[in-house]
Amino acid sequence: MTIIGFNFTKIEAEKKELIKGKININNNLAIKNVEEKKLSLSNEKQKVLSFTFEFTAKYDPNVGSISFTGNVLSMDDSKKVKEILDGWKKDKKLPKEFMPNILNTIMSKCNIQALILSEQINLPPPIPLPKLAPAEKQG
């Protein structure tokens, strides 16, 4: 499975009130739909899968949120495309071996964008950032 496209269709960031005390941040990623698209590559049409996703970062207590909706386009042989589509239509599930590639792509793009948006509206970053500690003195 090769990822050939990614785009956001909706981006929202909201800060509702001043942050006081401890904040919990809950990130959630869900695949909302899978459908077949036809893409023109050279002189022939290629069947690709379009995965519609929704990513949210909710700040608890309810001080803000960041959310994205978008699509990932993925290409594979027609037999695999049909198998994935049939599984999705039947029980809204995707093959386990296939999921990490799609989910990692979505999380990577969303986390970077969420980090930028959180800074712009003064919310804590939705993912833990590395922190340096002072070096210990050696005697």
Protein backbone atom coordinates (compact mmCIF):
# COMPACT_ATOMS: atom_id res chain seq x y z
CA MET A 1 0.00 0.00 0.00
CA THR A 2 1.50 3.31 -1.11
CA ILE A 3 0.29 6.66 0.16
CA ILE A 4 0.01 9.07 -2.75
CA GLY A 5 -1.91 12.01 -1.27
CA PHE A 6 -2.93 13.81 1.90
CA ASN A 7 -5.07 16.88 2.48
CA PHE A 8 -7.00 18.65 5.19
CA THR A 9 -10.61 19.58 4.43
CA LYS A 10 -11.39 21.23 7.79
CA ILE A 11 -9.17 22.75 10.48
CA GLU A 12 -10.51 24.11 13.80
CA ALA A 13 -8.71 25.46 16.85
CA GLU A 14 -10.50 27.03 19.81
CA LYS A 15 -9.41 28.37 23.17
CA LYS A 16 -12.44 28.82 25.44
CA GLU A 17 -10.95 30.17 28.65
CA LEU A 18 -7.73 30.80 30.54
CA ILE A 19 -5.84 27.73 31.59
CA LYS A 20 -5.71 27.17 35.34
CA GLY A 21 -4.28 24.12 37.07
CA LYS A 22 -3.67 20.74 35.56
CA ILE A 23 -4.75 20.06 31.98
CA ASN A 24 -5.33 16.65 30.41
CA ILE A 25 -5.11 16.40 26.65
CA ASN A 26 -6.96 13.57 24.92
CA ASN A 27 -6.01 12.89 21.30
CA ASN A 28 -8.29 10.77 19.16
CA LEU A 29 -8.01 9.59 15.57
CA ALA A 30 -10.85 7.90 13.69
CA ILE A 31 -11.31 6.70 10.14
CA LYS A 32 -14.79 7.91 9.18
CA ASN A 33 -15.10 6.55 5.65
CA VAL A 34 -13.27 4.57 2.97
CA GLU A 35 -14.19 4.86 -0.68
CA GLU A 36 -12.77 4.10 -4.08
CA LYS A 37 -11.65 6.94 -6.35
CA LYS A 38 -10.36 6.83 -9.90
CA LEU A 39 -7.17 8.75 -10.55
CA SER A 40 -5.69 9.48 -13.97
CA LEU A 41 -2.06 8.43 -14.04
CA SER A 42 -0.50 8.70 -17.51
CA ASN A 43 -3.02 7.33 -20.05
CA GLU A 44 -4.90 5.01 -17.72
CA LYS A 45 -7.17 5.37 -14.73
CA GLN A 46 -5.91 3.83 -11.49
CA LYS A 47 -8.21 2.80 -8.63
CA VAL A 48 -7.16 4.35 -5.33
CA LEU A 49 -8.63 4.33 -1.84
CA SER A 50 -9.63 7.55 -0.12
CA PHE A 51 -9.66 7.39 3.69
CA THR A 52 -11.60 10.17 5.38
CA PHE A 53 -10.28 10.81 8.89
CA GLU A 54 -11.05 12.95 11.91
CA PHE A 55 -8.36 13.90 14.44
CA THR A 56 -9.19 15.73 17.68
CA ALA A 57 -7.19 17.03 20.61
CA LYS A 58 -9.50 17.91 23.52
CA TYR A 59 -8.22 19.85 26.51
CA ASP A 60 -9.81 18.83 29.79
CA PRO A 61 -11.22 20.69 31.71
CA ASN A 62 -12.96 22.14 28.67
CA VAL A 63 -10.53 24.99 27.90
CA GLY A 64 -10.03 24.31 24.21
CA SER A 65 -9.81 21.90 21.32
CA ILE A 66 -8.08 21.34 18.01
CA SER A 67 -9.62 19.23 15.27
CA PHE A 68 -8.89 18.22 11.70
CA THR A 69 -10.83 16.44 9.01
CA GLY A 70 -9.14 15.27 5.85
CA ASN A 71 -8.35 12.53 3.36
CA VAL A 72 -5.48 10.18 2.66
CA LEU A 73 -5.17 8.64 -0.80
CA SER A 74 -3.58 5.22 -1.06
CA MET A 75 -2.79 3.01 -4.02
CA ASP A 76 -2.47 -0.77 -4.24
CA ASP A 77 -3.31 -3.55 -6.68
CA SER A 78 -7.00 -3.83 -7.57
CA LYS A 79 -7.44 -7.12 -5.67
CA LYS A 80 -6.23 -5.53 -2.41
CA VAL A 81 -8.33 -2.39 -3.01
CA LYS A 82 -11.46 -4.55 -3.45
CA GLU A 83 -10.64 -6.59 -0.32
CA ILE A 84 -10.23 -3.45 1.79
CA LEU A 85 -13.43 -1.87 0.42
CA ASP A 86 -15.46 -5.04 0.97
CA GLY A 87 -14.23 -5.29 4.58
CA TRP A 88 -15.10 -1.64 5.23
CA LYS A 89 -18.59 -1.95 3.72
CA LYS A 90 -19.26 -5.13 5.71
CA ASP A 91 -18.22 -4.12 9.23
CA LYS A 92 -16.35 -0.77 9.08
CA LYS A 93 -13.01 -2.50 9.76
CA LEU A 94 -9.68 -2.36 7.97
CA PRO A 95 -6.98 -5.06 7.79
CA LYS A 96 -4.56 -4.86 10.74
CA GLU A 97 -1.44 -5.13 8.59
CA PHE A 98 -2.57 -2.14 6.57
CA MET A 99 -3.53 0.28 9.37
CA PRO A 100 -0.14 1.40 10.76
CA ASN A 101 0.93 3.00 7.47
CA ILE A 102 -2.29 5.01 7.14
CA LEU A 103 -2.58 5.95 10.84
CA ASN A 104 1.09 6.93 11.18
CA THR A 105 0.82 9.22 8.17
CA ILE A 106 -2.30 10.90 9.56
CA MET A 107 -0.86 11.26 13.08
CA SER A 108 2.40 12.68 11.80
CA LYS A 109 0.72 15.38 9.70
CA CYS A 110 -1.95 16.17 12.32
CA ASN A 111 0.45 16.36 15.27
CA ILE A 112 2.72 18.81 13.43
CA GLN A 113 -0.22 21.02 12.48
CA ALA A 114 -1.76 20.76 15.98
CA LEU A 115 1.56 21.82 17.49
CA ILE A 116 1.62 24.95 15.31
CA LEU A 117 -2.04 25.80 16.05
CA SER A 118 -1.68 25.23 19.81
CA GLU A 119 1.17 27.75 19.89
CA GLN A 120 -0.83 30.30 17.91
CA ILE A 121 -3.83 30.22 20.27
CA ASN A 122 -1.83 29.75 23.48
CA LEU A 123 -2.80 26.20 24.37
CA PRO A 124 -0.28 23.66 25.67
CA PRO A 125 1.18 21.42 22.96
CA PRO A 126 -1.04 18.37 22.33
CA ILE A 127 1.99 16.07 22.27
CA PRO A 128 4.76 15.92 24.87
CA LEU A 129 7.84 17.84 23.82
CA PRO A 130 11.36 16.89 24.90
CA LYS A 131 12.65 18.83 27.89
CA LEU A 132 16.21 19.34 29.04
CA ALA A 133 17.09 18.94 32.70
CA PRO A 134 20.01 20.75 34.34
CA ALA A 135 23.19 18.69 34.39
CA GLU A 136 24.11 17.18 37.73
CA LYS A 137 27.25 18.57 39.39
CA GLN A 138 30.03 16.10 39.69
CA GLY A 139 32.06 16.27 42.89
